[in-house]
Protein backbone atom coordinates (compact mmCIF):
# COMPACT_ATOMS: atom_id res chain seq x y z
CA MET A 1 0.01 0.06 0.01
CA ALA A 2 1.57 3.37 -0.86
CA THR A 3 1.45 6.24 1.38
CA ARG A 4 -0.56 9.24 0.48
CA THR A 5 0.28 12.85 1.76
CA LYS A 6 -2.07 15.64 2.06
CA LYS A 7 -1.96 19.01 3.46
CA ILE A 8 -4.44 20.67 5.92
CA GLY A 9 -3.60 24.40 6.35
CA SER A 10 -0.05 24.15 7.34
CA ILE A 11 0.09 20.64 8.56
CA ARG A 12 1.22 17.89 6.11
CA ILE A 13 -0.33 14.57 6.94
CA THR A 14 0.94 11.21 5.52
CA GLU A 15 -1.37 8.34 5.80
CA SER A 16 -0.02 4.98 7.21
CA THR A 17 0.84 2.02 4.94
CA GLY A 18 -0.71 0.08 7.75
CA ASN A 19 2.89 -0.92 8.89
CA VAL A 20 4.57 1.61 11.24
CA PHE A 21 7.85 -0.28 10.68
CA ALA A 22 7.59 0.29 6.84
CA ASP A 23 6.45 3.84 7.54
CA LEU A 24 9.69 4.55 9.57
CA GLY A 25 11.83 3.10 6.73
CA LEU A 26 13.14 -0.02 8.87
CA ALA A 27 14.82 -2.98 7.04
CA ASN A 28 12.46 -6.01 6.90
CA PRO A 29 9.22 -4.21 7.96
CA GLU A 30 7.04 -7.14 7.46
CA GLN A 31 9.23 -9.27 9.86
CA GLU A 32 9.46 -6.47 12.33
CA LEU A 33 5.43 -6.27 12.45
CA LEU A 34 5.17 -10.01 12.81
CA LYS A 35 7.80 -10.07 15.71
CA ALA A 36 5.84 -7.23 17.36
CA GLN A 37 2.44 -9.03 17.07
CA LEU A 38 3.91 -12.43 18.31
CA THR A 39 5.58 -10.34 21.32
CA LEU A 40 2.01 -9.01 22.19
CA GLN A 41 0.60 -12.30 22.29
CA ILE A 42 3.21 -13.42 24.53
CA TYR A 43 2.59 -10.45 26.75
CA LYS A 44 -1.11 -11.08 26.64
CA THR A 45 -0.80 -14.64 27.58
CA ILE A 46 1.64 -14.23 30.47
CA LYS A 47 -0.52 -11.47 31.88
CA SER A 48 -3.88 -13.57 31.33
CA ARG A 49 -2.31 -16.36 33.33
CA ASN A 50 -1.02 -14.13 36.14
CA LEU A 51 2.54 -15.56 35.56
CA THR A 52 5.49 -13.95 37.42
CA GLN A 53 8.45 -13.16 35.02
CA SER A 54 10.40 -15.81 36.76
CA ASP A 55 7.69 -18.32 36.21
CA ALA A 56 7.24 -17.40 32.63
CA GLY A 57 11.07 -17.61 32.12
CA ALA A 58 10.96 -21.11 33.37
CA ILE A 59 8.10 -22.00 31.02
CA LEU A 60 9.99 -20.28 28.03
CA GLY A 61 13.52 -21.49 28.89
CA ILE A 62 14.80 -17.84 29.22
CA LYS A 63 16.12 -15.71 32.04
CA GLN A 64 13.96 -13.13 33.79
CA PRO A 65 15.37 -10.17 32.30
CA HIS A 66 14.48 -11.57 28.85
CA VAL A 67 11.07 -11.88 29.90
CA SER A 68 10.98 -8.25 31.23
CA SER A 69 12.34 -7.23 27.69
CA LEU A 70 9.45 -9.16 25.96
CA MET A 71 6.74 -7.44 28.44
CA ARG A 72 7.94 -4.41 27.35
CA GLY A 73 7.15 -5.08 23.68
CA ARG A 74 11.13 -5.50 22.96
CA SER A 75 11.70 -8.84 20.85
CA GLY A 76 15.53 -8.07 20.67
CA THR A 77 17.34 -10.68 19.13
CA PHE A 78 14.69 -13.40 19.24
CA SER A 79 13.85 -14.71 15.76
CA VAL A 80 10.18 -15.05 14.69
CA GLU A 81 10.74 -18.94 14.98
CA ARG A 82 11.83 -18.50 18.78
CA LEU A 83 8.83 -16.14 19.56
CA MET A 84 6.57 -18.91 18.02
CA ASP A 85 8.39 -21.38 20.02
CA PHE A 86 7.68 -19.34 23.17
CA LEU A 87 3.78 -19.19 22.22
CA ARG A 88 3.69 -22.99 21.82
CA ALA A 89 5.43 -23.32 25.33
CA LEU A 90 2.53 -21.12 26.76
CA GLY A 91 -0.03 -23.52 25.23
CA HIS A 92 -0.78 -21.99 21.80
CA ASP A 93 -1.03 -23.79 18.57
CA ILE A 94 0.83 -21.93 15.50
CA GLU A 95 -0.74 -22.18 12.24
CA ILE A 96 0.88 -20.89 8.92
CA ALA A 97 -0.93 -20.78 5.72
CA VAL A 98 0.53 -20.18 2.37
CA THR A 99 -1.67 -18.96 -0.57
CA SER A 100 -0.96 -17.97 -4.08
CA THR A 101 -1.18 -14.42 -5.09
CA THR A 102 -1.71 -12.47 -8.42
CA LYS A 103 0.49 -9.69 -7.13
CA HIS A 104 4.16 -9.51 -7.93
CA HIS A 105 5.05 -9.59 -4.17
CA GLY A 106 2.90 -11.49 -1.48
CA ASP A 107 1.74 -9.95 1.53
CA LEU A 108 2.36 -11.23 5.22
CA SER A 109 -0.20 -11.41 7.83
CA ILE A 110 -0.99 -12.93 11.06
CA SER A 111 -4.25 -13.71 12.79
CA MET A 112 -4.70 -14.21 16.60
CA ARG A 113 -7.69 -16.06 17.71
């Protein structure tokens, strides 16, 4: 999705692409968005289960400071695969679907149920 810019008075407004990481010009914006969404689901699960960060760390196999980073939305150097492993350890199923597209470049999306 291309960005659109319009001017209202002296204020210039740029419409988002729908991916803040792309809007910021970061490398691999789709991957960064996916990591952010997975990290958010990890956060929600830990909160909903009333786990301490130490208990969550024991379940995930990581130290408490790393859980603290995840709880602050920082996925750090964790890969998408590792974040999915964390979700599985927390009792979630992971489902990946690949479909054909008529576009030059496919889209990446995630659905949380």
